[in-house]
Amino acid sequence: MKENPYSKMIEIMQKESANTNPPITQIGKVISPQPLIIEVGDLQVDKDNILIADYLLQNYKRKIKVPESETTGETAESNSHKHDVVKVGINEVEVTFLDTLKQGDRLAVWPTEDKQTYIIVARVVDP
């Protein structure tokens, strides 16, 4: 029996598509925060095969600036001494995030092309 050329063409297209399409986002779950172990599907992945978005790490530091804005009001340092507040803002300050991943957290996870490393992109929650 002769091989169906259309079946062969579809097979080639499927193989090429699998090689060129980016991996899909998967939902993972934190099994253990320390040491970090996540579950993606039926697979448990440990810290040696994980990359994580920096802002999910405990003690992640970020500089912020709150632009000045005009406001009205007053501050009372004591009953006899008051200051009018005209502008409020913060020039630059460093913020340290104290929380991190916890057991049971759900994650948006991207596998790398070779599926040997998993990238934790974000913690996800129900709305």
N, C-alpha and C. Protein backbone atom coordinates (compact mmCIF):
# COMPACT_ATOMS: atom_id res chain seq x y z
N MET A 1 0.84 -1.18 0.00
CA MET A 1 0.00 0.00 0.00
C MET A 1 0.89 1.24 0.00
N LYS A 2 0.51 2.19 -0.79
CA LYS A 2 1.28 3.42 -0.96
C LYS A 2 1.00 4.38 0.20
N GLU A 3 2.06 5.08 0.65
CA GLU A 3 1.91 6.04 1.74
C GLU A 3 1.13 7.25 1.26
N ASN A 4 0.22 7.73 2.10
CA ASN A 4 -0.60 8.89 1.78
C ASN A 4 0.27 10.15 1.86
N PRO A 5 0.44 10.89 0.76
CA PRO A 5 1.32 12.07 0.78
C PRO A 5 0.78 13.19 1.67
N TYR A 6 -0.53 13.26 1.82
CA TYR A 6 -1.13 14.30 2.66
C TYR A 6 -0.84 14.02 4.14
N SER A 7 -0.91 12.76 4.54
CA SER A 7 -0.59 12.40 5.93
C SER A 7 0.86 12.72 6.24
N LYS A 8 1.75 12.42 5.28
CA LYS A 8 3.17 12.71 5.47
C LYS A 8 3.40 14.22 5.60
N MET A 9 2.70 15.02 4.78
CA MET A 9 2.83 16.47 4.83
C MET A 9 2.34 17.01 6.19
N ILE A 10 1.23 16.50 6.70
CA ILE A 10 0.71 16.93 8.00
C ILE A 10 1.69 16.57 9.12
N GLU A 11 2.27 15.40 9.05
CA GLU A 11 3.26 14.97 10.03
C GLU A 11 4.46 15.91 10.05
N ILE A 12 4.95 16.29 8.88
CA ILE A 12 6.09 17.22 8.78
C ILE A 12 5.70 18.58 9.36
N MET A 13 4.51 19.04 9.04
CA MET A 13 4.05 20.34 9.55
C MET A 13 3.93 20.32 11.08
N GLN A 14 3.44 19.24 11.65
CA GLN A 14 3.31 19.14 13.10
C GLN A 14 4.68 19.16 13.78
N LYS A 15 5.64 18.46 13.21
CA LYS A 15 7.00 18.44 13.78
C LYS A 15 7.62 19.83 13.73
N GLU A 16 7.50 20.50 12.59
CA GLU A 16 8.06 21.85 12.44
C GLU A 16 7.37 22.83 13.38
N SER A 17 6.08 22.70 13.51
CA SER A 17 5.32 23.58 14.40
C SER A 17 5.77 23.41 15.84
N ALA A 18 5.99 22.18 16.27
CA ALA A 18 6.45 21.91 17.64
C ALA A 18 7.83 22.50 17.88
N ASN A 19 8.66 22.57 16.86
CA ASN A 19 10.01 23.10 17.00
C ASN A 19 10.06 24.63 17.00
N THR A 20 9.08 25.29 16.36
CA THR A 20 9.15 26.74 16.21
C THR A 20 8.19 27.52 17.10
N ASN A 21 7.15 26.90 17.62
CA ASN A 21 6.21 27.61 18.47
C ASN A 21 6.76 27.73 19.89
N PRO A 22 6.57 28.89 20.50
CA PRO A 22 7.07 29.03 21.87
C PRO A 22 6.26 28.14 22.82
N PRO A 23 6.86 27.76 23.95
CA PRO A 23 6.14 26.95 24.91
C PRO A 23 4.97 27.74 25.50
N ILE A 24 3.94 27.03 25.90
CA ILE A 24 2.76 27.69 26.46
C ILE A 24 2.95 27.92 27.95
N THR A 25 2.23 28.91 28.47
CA THR A 25 2.26 29.18 29.90
C THR A 25 1.52 28.06 30.61
N GLN A 26 2.13 27.56 31.67
CA GLN A 26 1.53 26.51 32.47
C GLN A 26 1.28 27.04 33.87
N ILE A 27 0.35 26.41 34.57
CA ILE A 27 0.09 26.76 35.96
C ILE A 27 0.84 25.77 36.84
N GLY A 28 1.67 26.31 37.72
CA GLY A 28 2.41 25.50 38.67
C GLY A 28 1.95 25.79 40.07
N LYS A 29 2.46 25.02 41.02
CA LYS A 29 2.10 25.20 42.42
C LYS A 29 3.35 25.03 43.28
N VAL A 30 3.49 25.88 44.29
CA VAL A 30 4.62 25.77 45.21
C VAL A 30 4.36 24.60 46.15
N ILE A 31 5.26 23.61 46.10
CA ILE A 31 5.20 22.47 47.02
C ILE A 31 5.96 22.82 48.29
N SER A 32 7.13 23.44 48.11
CA SER A 32 7.96 23.85 49.25
C SER A 32 8.64 25.17 48.91
N PRO A 33 8.52 26.19 49.78
CA PRO A 33 9.21 27.44 49.50
C PRO A 33 10.70 27.40 49.82
N GLN A 34 11.11 26.59 50.81
CA GLN A 34 12.53 26.49 51.21
C GLN A 34 12.87 25.04 51.49
N PRO A 35 13.62 24.35 50.69
CA PRO A 35 14.12 24.79 49.38
C PRO A 35 12.97 24.83 48.38
N LEU A 36 13.11 25.68 47.38
CA LEU A 36 12.03 25.89 46.42
C LEU A 36 11.82 24.65 45.56
N ILE A 37 10.60 24.11 45.64
CA ILE A 37 10.16 23.00 44.79
C ILE A 37 8.78 23.36 44.30
N ILE A 38 8.58 23.27 42.98
CA ILE A 38 7.27 23.54 42.40
C ILE A 38 6.78 22.29 41.67
N GLU A 39 5.49 22.26 41.48
CA GLU A 39 4.88 21.16 40.73
C GLU A 39 4.26 21.77 39.47
N VAL A 40 4.63 21.21 38.32
CA VAL A 40 4.08 21.62 37.03
C VAL A 40 3.54 20.36 36.39
N GLY A 41 2.21 20.28 36.29
CA GLY A 41 1.61 19.03 35.82
C GLY A 41 1.93 17.93 36.82
N ASP A 42 2.48 16.82 36.34
CA ASP A 42 2.86 15.71 37.22
C ASP A 42 4.33 15.76 37.62
N LEU A 43 5.02 16.82 37.22
CA LEU A 43 6.45 16.93 37.42
C LEU A 43 6.79 17.84 38.59
N GLN A 44 7.67 17.38 39.50
CA GLN A 44 8.20 18.24 40.56
C GLN A 44 9.56 18.77 40.11
N VAL A 45 9.73 20.09 40.21
CA VAL A 45 10.94 20.75 39.75
C VAL A 45 11.57 21.45 40.94
N ASP A 46 12.89 21.24 41.13
CA ASP A 46 13.57 21.88 42.27
C ASP A 46 14.32 23.12 41.82
N LYS A 47 14.93 23.80 42.79
CA LYS A 47 15.57 25.10 42.54
C LYS A 47 16.68 25.04 41.50
N ASP A 48 17.27 23.87 41.27
CA ASP A 48 18.34 23.74 40.29
C ASP A 48 17.83 23.90 38.85
N ASN A 49 16.53 23.75 38.65
CA ASN A 49 15.96 23.83 37.31
C ASN A 49 14.90 24.93 37.21
N ILE A 50 15.04 25.95 38.08
CA ILE A 50 14.06 27.03 38.13
C ILE A 50 14.77 28.37 37.98
N LEU A 51 14.18 29.25 37.19
CA LEU A 51 14.51 30.67 37.19
C LEU A 51 13.27 31.39 37.70
N ILE A 52 13.45 32.48 38.45
CA ILE A 52 12.30 33.13 39.08
C ILE A 52 12.36 34.64 38.87
N ALA A 53 11.23 35.25 38.63
CA ALA A 53 11.16 36.71 38.51
C ALA A 53 11.68 37.32 39.81
N ASP A 54 12.58 38.29 39.69
CA ASP A 54 13.25 38.84 40.86
C ASP A 54 12.31 39.40 41.92
N TYR A 55 11.20 39.99 41.51
CA TYR A 55 10.31 40.61 42.47
C TYR A 55 9.58 39.60 43.36
N LEU A 56 9.67 38.32 43.04
CA LEU A 56 9.06 37.29 43.88
C LEU A 56 9.99 36.81 44.99
N LEU A 57 11.23 37.28 44.98
CA LEU A 57 12.20 36.88 45.99
C LEU A 57 12.05 37.73 47.25
N GLN A 58 12.23 37.09 48.41
CA GLN A 58 12.20 37.81 49.67
C GLN A 58 13.36 38.80 49.71
N ASN A 59 13.12 39.97 50.28
CA ASN A 59 14.08 41.06 50.39
C ASN A 59 14.47 41.68 49.06
N TYR A 60 13.61 41.50 48.05
CA TYR A 60 13.82 42.18 46.76
C TYR A 60 13.71 43.68 47.00
N LYS A 61 14.65 44.44 46.48
CA LYS A 61 14.68 45.89 46.68
C LYS A 61 14.40 46.61 45.36
N ARG A 62 13.66 47.69 45.47
CA ARG A 62 13.32 48.50 44.30
C ARG A 62 13.25 49.95 44.72
N LYS A 63 13.78 50.84 43.91
CA LYS A 63 13.69 52.27 44.19
C LYS A 63 12.42 52.81 43.56
N ILE A 64 11.74 53.68 44.32
CA ILE A 64 10.54 54.32 43.80
C ILE A 64 10.63 55.82 44.03
N LYS A 65 9.86 56.55 43.26
CA LYS A 65 9.73 57.99 43.42
C LYS A 65 8.25 58.31 43.36
N VAL A 66 7.78 59.08 44.31
CA VAL A 66 6.40 59.53 44.31
C VAL A 66 6.43 61.01 43.95
N PRO A 67 5.92 61.37 42.77
CA PRO A 67 6.02 62.77 42.35
C PRO A 67 5.24 63.69 43.29
N GLU A 68 5.74 64.91 43.41
CA GLU A 68 5.06 65.89 44.25
C GLU A 68 3.70 66.22 43.68
N SER A 69 2.76 66.44 44.57
CA SER A 69 1.44 66.89 44.14
C SER A 69 0.96 67.93 45.14
N GLU A 70 0.16 68.83 44.66
CA GLU A 70 -0.37 69.90 45.50
C GLU A 70 -1.51 69.35 46.33
N THR A 71 -1.59 69.81 47.56
CA THR A 71 -2.65 69.37 48.45
C THR A 71 -2.94 70.48 49.44
N THR A 72 -3.98 70.33 50.19
CA THR A 72 -4.27 71.30 51.25
C THR A 72 -4.40 70.55 52.56
N GLY A 73 -4.10 71.21 53.62
CA GLY A 73 -4.22 70.59 54.94
C GLY A 73 -3.18 71.15 55.86
N GLU A 74 -3.09 70.58 57.03
CA GLU A 74 -2.11 71.04 58.00
C GLU A 74 -1.66 69.86 58.85
N THR A 75 -0.48 69.97 59.37
CA THR A 75 0.03 68.98 60.31
C THR A 75 0.09 69.62 61.68
N ALA A 76 -0.18 68.85 62.70
CA ALA A 76 -0.15 69.37 64.07
C ALA A 76 0.97 68.67 64.81
N GLU A 77 2.03 69.41 65.08
CA GLU A 77 3.12 68.86 65.87
C GLU A 77 2.80 68.96 67.36
N SER A 78 2.01 69.91 67.70
CA SER A 78 1.49 70.06 69.06
C SER A 78 0.24 70.90 68.95
N ASN A 79 -0.44 71.06 70.03
CA ASN A 79 -1.68 71.85 69.98
C ASN A 79 -1.43 73.31 69.65
N SER A 80 -0.23 73.80 69.98
CA SER A 80 0.03 75.22 69.78
C SER A 80 0.84 75.51 68.52
N HIS A 81 1.31 74.47 67.83
CA HIS A 81 2.20 74.68 66.68
C HIS A 81 1.70 73.87 65.48
N LYS A 82 1.37 74.54 64.38
CA LYS A 82 0.85 73.85 63.19
C LYS A 82 1.60 74.31 61.95
N HIS A 83 1.65 73.41 60.94
CA HIS A 83 2.27 73.72 59.64
C HIS A 83 1.25 73.46 58.55
N ASP A 84 1.19 74.38 57.58
CA ASP A 84 0.36 74.15 56.40
C ASP A 84 1.10 73.19 55.47
N VAL A 85 0.36 72.24 54.89
CA VAL A 85 0.93 71.31 53.92
C VAL A 85 0.50 71.80 52.54
N VAL A 86 1.48 72.05 51.67
CA VAL A 86 1.18 72.55 50.33
C VAL A 86 1.49 71.49 49.28
N LYS A 87 2.64 70.81 49.43
CA LYS A 87 3.05 69.79 48.47
C LYS A 87 3.44 68.52 49.23
N VAL A 88 3.11 67.39 48.62
CA VAL A 88 3.46 66.09 49.20
C VAL A 88 4.14 65.27 48.12
N GLY A 89 5.21 64.57 48.47
CA GLY A 89 5.91 63.71 47.53
C GLY A 89 7.15 63.12 48.16
N ILE A 90 7.69 62.13 47.51
CA ILE A 90 8.93 61.50 47.97
C ILE A 90 9.88 61.52 46.79
N ASN A 91 11.05 62.12 46.99
CA ASN A 91 12.02 62.23 45.90
C ASN A 91 12.47 60.86 45.43
N GLU A 92 13.05 60.06 46.29
CA GLU A 92 13.45 58.70 45.94
C GLU A 92 13.63 57.92 47.24
N VAL A 93 13.11 56.71 47.25
CA VAL A 93 13.23 55.85 48.42
C VAL A 93 13.35 54.41 47.95
N GLU A 94 14.04 53.60 48.72
CA GLU A 94 14.17 52.18 48.38
C GLU A 94 13.15 51.39 49.19
N VAL A 95 12.40 50.55 48.50
CA VAL A 95 11.37 49.71 49.13
C VAL A 95 11.88 48.28 49.13
N THR A 96 11.74 47.60 50.25
CA THR A 96 12.13 46.20 50.36
C THR A 96 10.87 45.35 50.53
N PHE A 97 10.70 44.36 49.65
CA PHE A 97 9.56 43.46 49.73
C PHE A 97 9.91 42.32 50.69
N LEU A 98 9.09 42.11 51.70
CA LEU A 98 9.40 41.12 52.73
C LEU A 98 8.77 39.75 52.45
N ASP A 99 7.69 39.74 51.69
CA ASP A 99 7.03 38.45 51.44
C ASP A 99 7.68 37.74 50.27
N THR A 100 7.39 36.47 50.14
CA THR A 100 7.92 35.64 49.07
C THR A 100 6.91 34.55 48.76
N LEU A 101 7.29 33.58 47.98
CA LEU A 101 6.40 32.48 47.65
C LEU A 101 6.10 31.65 48.89
N LYS A 102 4.85 31.16 48.96
CA LYS A 102 4.43 30.33 50.08
C LYS A 102 3.89 29.01 49.54
N GLN A 103 3.92 27.99 50.38
CA GLN A 103 3.39 26.68 49.99
C GLN A 103 1.95 26.85 49.54
N GLY A 104 1.63 26.26 48.40
CA GLY A 104 0.27 26.31 47.86
C GLY A 104 0.05 27.45 46.87
N ASP A 105 0.98 28.43 46.80
CA ASP A 105 0.83 29.52 45.82
C ASP A 105 0.76 28.94 44.41
N ARG A 106 -0.11 29.53 43.59
CA ARG A 106 -0.18 29.14 42.19
C ARG A 106 0.69 30.09 41.38
N LEU A 107 1.31 29.55 40.34
CA LEU A 107 2.31 30.30 39.58
C LEU A 107 2.04 30.20 38.08
N ALA A 108 2.38 31.27 37.36
CA ALA A 108 2.45 31.21 35.90
C ALA A 108 3.88 30.80 35.57
N VAL A 109 4.03 29.69 34.85
CA VAL A 109 5.34 29.09 34.61
C VAL A 109 5.54 28.88 33.11
N TRP A 110 6.72 29.25 32.63
CA TRP A 110 7.10 29.00 31.24
C TRP A 110 8.22 27.97 31.22
N PRO A 111 8.04 26.86 30.50
CA PRO A 111 9.18 25.95 30.31
C PRO A 111 10.09 26.50 29.22
N THR A 112 11.39 26.28 29.36
CA THR A 112 12.31 26.66 28.29
C THR A 112 12.12 25.69 27.13
N GLU A 113 12.72 26.01 26.01
CA GLU A 113 12.54 25.21 24.80
C GLU A 113 12.89 23.74 25.02
N ASP A 114 13.97 23.48 25.77
CA ASP A 114 14.37 22.09 26.00
C ASP A 114 13.64 21.45 27.19
N LYS A 115 12.77 22.22 27.84
CA LYS A 115 11.97 21.75 28.98
C LYS A 115 12.84 21.24 30.13
N GLN A 116 14.04 21.81 30.25
CA GLN A 116 14.93 21.44 31.36
C GLN A 116 14.90 22.49 32.46
N THR A 117 14.45 23.69 32.12
CA THR A 117 14.37 24.78 33.09
C THR A 117 12.97 25.39 33.00
N TYR A 118 12.44 25.79 34.15
CA TYR A 118 11.12 26.39 34.21
C TYR A 118 11.26 27.79 34.79
N ILE A 119 10.65 28.77 34.14
CA ILE A 119 10.73 30.16 34.54
C ILE A 119 9.44 30.55 35.25
N ILE A 120 9.57 30.94 36.51
CA ILE A 120 8.40 31.42 37.27
C ILE A 120 8.23 32.89 36.92
N VAL A 121 7.15 33.19 36.24
CA VAL A 121 6.91 34.53 35.74
C VAL A 121 6.14 35.37 36.76
N ALA A 122 5.16 34.75 37.43
CA ALA A 122 4.31 35.51 38.35
C ALA A 122 3.56 34.57 39.28
N ARG A 123 3.16 35.11 40.41
CA ARG A 123 2.21 34.42 41.28
C ARG A 123 0.84 34.81 40.75
N VAL A 124 -0.08 33.87 40.62
CA VAL A 124 -1.41 34.15 40.08
C VAL A 124 -2.47 33.81 41.12
N VAL A 125 -3.56 34.57 41.09
CA VAL A 125 -4.66 34.38 42.03
C VAL A 125 -5.98 34.49 41.30
N ASP A 126 -7.02 33.99 41.91
CA ASP A 126 -8.36 34.16 41.37
C ASP A 126 -8.81 35.60 41.62
N PRO A 127 -9.57 36.17 40.70
CA PRO A 127 -10.04 37.56 40.90
C PRO A 127 -11.06 37.65 42.02
